[in-house]
């Protein structure tokens, strides 16, 4: 569970368990908010599962844990700077626990990388953003639940506005030379992801 991994990671830099608990409570409150149909704790746990399966390839595990926990902590479908706000909050909270500044910057960069999912010169960042996209390569049933959940999160927007925006997102991914940047995730998910994206696009 991410809660356990988070507490353990915090303990490496700060012995104040009350502070660790307070930080986790804030994370949990954010991801269990009412209108989070996809960007919720299940998404975090899936990310953790995907990345735990390749833990031996990760250079900075604590940084990855913090990136998982904070990458969608600010999520408002009416705003376009969620990643920037999430990264800023992560920087603030990780400074509180005395996480080293250079590694805070790495975490910030990983969170910001989830905005465009372009290739990074940091291996951990590529693993992280690939794991964030792993839902795209899930079975059709799981993928269908995912895109319907995304639609619920954007329920404020009528189809007239939502569908063109969603088409643009799908076409963006389909237009990428490679959706998944690492060999591991590419081999597992690329083919199915392209089938899923194309099938959803055909429904819009």
Protein backbone atom coordinates (compact mmCIF):
# COMPACT_ATOMS: atom_id res chain seq x y z
CA UNK A 1 0.00 0.00 0.00
CA UNK A 2 1.15 3.49 -0.82
CA UNK A 3 0.40 4.74 2.71
CA UNK A 4 3.00 2.35 4.12
CA UNK A 5 5.56 3.15 1.41
CA UNK A 6 5.00 6.88 1.94
CA UNK A 7 5.48 6.66 5.72
CA UNK A 8 8.63 4.61 5.25
CA UNK A 9 10.04 7.07 2.71
CA UNK A 10 9.32 10.05 4.98
CA UNK A 11 11.03 8.27 7.91
CA UNK A 12 14.32 8.27 5.99
CA UNK A 13 14.47 12.08 6.32
CA UNK A 14 12.28 12.98 9.29
CA UNK A 15 11.54 11.09 12.51
CA UNK A 16 8.36 13.06 13.25
CA UNK A 17 5.68 10.41 12.71
CA UNK A 18 2.93 12.95 13.47
CA UNK A 19 4.13 15.07 10.55
CA UNK A 20 4.22 12.03 8.29
CA UNK A 21 0.67 11.18 9.33
CA UNK A 22 -0.48 14.75 8.71
CA UNK A 23 1.02 14.76 5.24
CA UNK A 24 -0.60 11.44 4.37
CA UNK A 25 -3.98 12.65 5.67
CA UNK A 26 -3.74 15.60 3.28
CA UNK A 27 -2.91 13.28 0.37
CA UNK A 28 -5.74 10.88 1.23
CA UNK A 29 -8.25 13.71 1.59
CA UNK A 30 -7.35 15.07 -1.84
CA UNK A 31 -7.56 11.74 -3.67
CA UNK A 32 -10.84 10.71 -2.02
CA UNK A 33 -12.64 13.92 -3.00
CA UNK A 34 -16.16 13.31 -4.34
CA UNK A 35 -15.59 14.11 -8.02
CA UNK A 36 -12.50 11.95 -8.41
CA UNK A 37 -13.71 9.02 -10.48
CA UNK A 38 -10.34 8.09 -11.95
CA UNK A 39 -7.65 10.32 -10.42
CA UNK A 40 -8.14 8.74 -7.02
CA UNK A 41 -6.39 6.35 -4.65
CA UNK A 42 -6.97 3.40 -6.99
CA UNK A 43 -4.93 5.23 -9.62
CA UNK A 44 -2.12 5.74 -7.08
CA UNK A 45 -2.16 2.09 -6.06
CA UNK A 46 -2.03 1.02 -9.72
CA UNK A 47 0.99 3.25 -10.27
CA UNK A 48 2.67 1.74 -7.23
CA UNK A 49 1.95 -1.78 -8.49
CA UNK A 50 3.35 -1.03 -11.94
CA UNK A 51 6.52 0.54 -10.57
CA UNK A 52 7.06 -2.03 -7.82
CA UNK A 53 7.25 -4.66 -10.57
CA UNK A 54 10.38 -2.89 -11.89
CA UNK A 55 11.72 -1.59 -8.57
CA UNK A 56 15.18 -2.99 -9.25
CA UNK A 57 15.43 -0.67 -12.27
CA UNK A 58 14.49 2.46 -10.30
CA UNK A 59 17.41 4.59 -9.13
CA UNK A 60 15.59 6.75 -6.56
CA UNK A 61 12.67 4.84 -5.07
CA UNK A 62 11.81 7.42 -2.41
CA UNK A 63 11.54 10.11 -5.06
CA UNK A 64 9.22 7.87 -7.09
CA UNK A 65 7.02 7.29 -4.02
CA UNK A 66 6.70 11.02 -3.46
CA UNK A 67 5.99 11.62 -7.15
CA UNK A 68 3.21 9.02 -7.07
CA UNK A 69 1.68 10.58 -3.97
CA UNK A 70 1.75 14.17 -5.16
CA UNK A 71 1.45 14.08 -8.95
CA UNK A 72 -2.35 14.57 -9.00
CA UNK A 73 -2.87 15.99 -5.51
CA UNK A 74 -4.29 19.14 -7.12
CA UNK A 75 -6.88 18.13 -9.70
CA UNK A 76 -9.48 20.57 -10.94
CA UNK A 77 -10.89 19.94 -14.41
CA UNK A 78 -11.64 23.65 -14.79
CA UNK A 79 -7.95 24.54 -14.46
CA UNK A 80 -5.03 23.96 -16.82
CA UNK A 81 -2.19 24.16 -14.29
CA UNK A 82 -2.91 21.15 -12.07
CA UNK A 83 0.54 19.67 -12.62
CA UNK A 84 2.25 22.95 -11.75
CA UNK A 85 0.14 23.35 -8.59
CA UNK A 86 0.74 19.72 -7.60
CA UNK A 87 4.49 20.13 -8.12
CA UNK A 88 4.52 23.33 -6.06
CA UNK A 89 2.72 21.62 -3.18
CA UNK A 90 5.07 18.64 -3.39
CA UNK A 91 8.06 20.99 -3.17
CA UNK A 92 6.59 22.66 -0.11
CA UNK A 93 5.78 19.42 1.71
CA UNK A 94 9.05 17.67 0.84
CA UNK A 95 10.96 20.70 2.09
CA UNK A 96 9.12 20.28 5.41
CA UNK A 97 10.49 16.75 5.83
CA UNK A 98 14.03 17.82 4.80
CA UNK A 99 14.11 15.77 1.60
CA UNK A 100 17.30 16.89 -0.21
CA UNK A 101 16.79 19.88 -2.51
CA UNK A 102 18.23 18.20 -5.62
CA UNK A 103 15.85 15.28 -5.18
CA UNK A 104 12.91 17.61 -4.54
CA UNK A 105 13.70 19.14 -7.92
CA UNK A 106 13.73 15.67 -9.48
CA UNK A 107 10.30 14.96 -7.98
CA UNK A 108 9.00 18.30 -9.26
CA UNK A 109 10.27 17.47 -12.75
CA UNK A 110 8.61 14.04 -12.63
CA UNK A 111 5.26 15.57 -11.70
CA UNK A 112 5.55 18.22 -14.42
CA UNK A 113 6.44 15.48 -16.93
CA UNK A 114 2.95 13.99 -16.56
CA UNK A 115 1.59 17.02 -18.42
CA UNK A 116 3.05 16.13 -21.81
CA UNK A 117 4.46 12.63 -21.25
CA UNK A 118 7.39 13.40 -23.53
CA UNK A 119 10.67 11.55 -23.22
CA UNK A 120 13.05 12.65 -20.46
CA UNK A 121 16.79 12.25 -20.04
CA UNK A 122 16.03 10.83 -16.58
CA UNK A 123 15.32 7.10 -16.62
CA UNK A 124 13.16 7.14 -13.49
CA UNK A 125 11.00 9.90 -14.98
CA UNK A 126 10.36 7.81 -18.09
CA UNK A 127 9.36 4.82 -15.94
CA UNK A 128 7.09 7.09 -13.91
CA UNK A 129 5.28 8.67 -16.87
CA UNK A 130 4.96 5.28 -18.58
CA UNK A 131 3.36 3.84 -15.45
CA UNK A 132 1.02 6.84 -15.37
CA UNK A 133 -0.13 5.90 -18.89
CA UNK A 134 -0.31 2.15 -18.30
CA UNK A 135 -4.12 2.32 -18.12
CA UNK A 136 -4.09 3.05 -21.87
CA UNK A 137 -2.80 -0.45 -22.51
CA UNK A 138 -5.20 -2.26 -20.20
CA UNK A 139 -7.84 -4.68 -21.44
CA UNK A 140 -10.73 -3.03 -23.27
CA UNK A 141 -13.12 -3.52 -20.32
CA UNK A 142 -10.74 -1.77 -17.93
CA UNK A 143 -9.96 0.93 -20.47
CA UNK A 144 -13.67 1.54 -21.10
CA UNK A 145 -14.24 2.04 -17.36
CA UNK A 146 -11.30 4.45 -17.36
CA UNK A 147 -12.55 6.72 -20.16
CA UNK A 148 -16.06 6.73 -18.74
CA UNK A 149 -14.61 7.78 -15.39
CA UNK A 150 -12.70 10.58 -17.09
CA UNK A 151 -15.95 11.74 -18.68
CA UNK A 152 -17.55 11.86 -15.21
CA UNK A 153 -14.68 13.99 -13.95
CA UNK A 154 -15.36 16.40 -16.80
CA UNK A 155 -19.14 16.29 -16.33
CA UNK A 156 -19.20 20.09 -16.04
CA UNK A 157 -18.54 20.25 -19.78
CA UNK A 158 -21.27 19.39 -22.31
CA UNK A 159 -20.43 16.94 -25.12
CA UNK A 160 -20.14 19.88 -27.49
CA UNK A 161 -17.02 20.98 -25.62
CA UNK A 162 -15.81 17.69 -24.17
CA UNK A 163 -15.72 15.57 -27.30
CA UNK A 164 -13.43 17.83 -29.39
CA UNK A 165 -11.07 18.14 -26.42
CA UNK A 166 -11.02 14.41 -25.84
CA UNK A 167 -10.44 13.73 -29.54
CA UNK A 168 -7.44 16.06 -29.41
CA UNK A 169 -5.99 14.11 -26.47
CA UNK A 170 -6.49 10.75 -28.18
CA UNK A 171 -5.01 12.02 -31.45
CA UNK A 172 -2.04 13.43 -29.53
CA UNK A 173 -1.20 10.00 -28.13
CA UNK A 174 -1.85 8.20 -31.41
CA UNK A 175 0.40 10.70 -33.17
CA UNK A 176 3.35 9.90 -30.93
CA UNK A 177 6.07 7.75 -32.46
CA UNK A 178 6.05 5.78 -29.22
CA UNK A 179 3.48 6.25 -26.45
CA UNK A 180 5.65 4.36 -23.99
CA UNK A 181 9.26 5.50 -23.69
CA UNK A 182 10.80 2.52 -21.90
CA UNK A 183 11.29 -0.92 -23.45
CA UNK A 184 9.51 -2.58 -20.51
CA UNK A 185 6.26 -0.63 -20.81
CA UNK A 186 6.41 -0.43 -24.59
CA UNK A 187 6.51 -4.21 -24.91
CA UNK A 188 3.68 -4.66 -22.41
CA UNK A 189 1.25 -1.93 -23.42
CA UNK A 190 1.96 -0.12 -26.70
CA UNK A 191 -0.01 -2.36 -29.06
CA UNK A 192 -3.11 -2.58 -26.86
CA UNK A 193 -2.96 1.13 -26.05
CA UNK A 194 -3.15 2.04 -29.74
CA UNK A 195 -6.13 -0.31 -30.22
CA UNK A 196 -7.91 1.19 -27.22
CA UNK A 197 -7.27 4.80 -28.21
CA UNK A 198 -8.41 4.16 -31.77
CA UNK A 199 -11.55 2.39 -30.57
CA UNK A 200 -12.47 5.22 -28.22
CA UNK A 201 -11.80 7.78 -30.95
CA UNK A 202 -14.23 5.93 -33.22
CA UNK A 203 -16.93 6.25 -30.54
CA UNK A 204 -16.68 10.04 -30.29
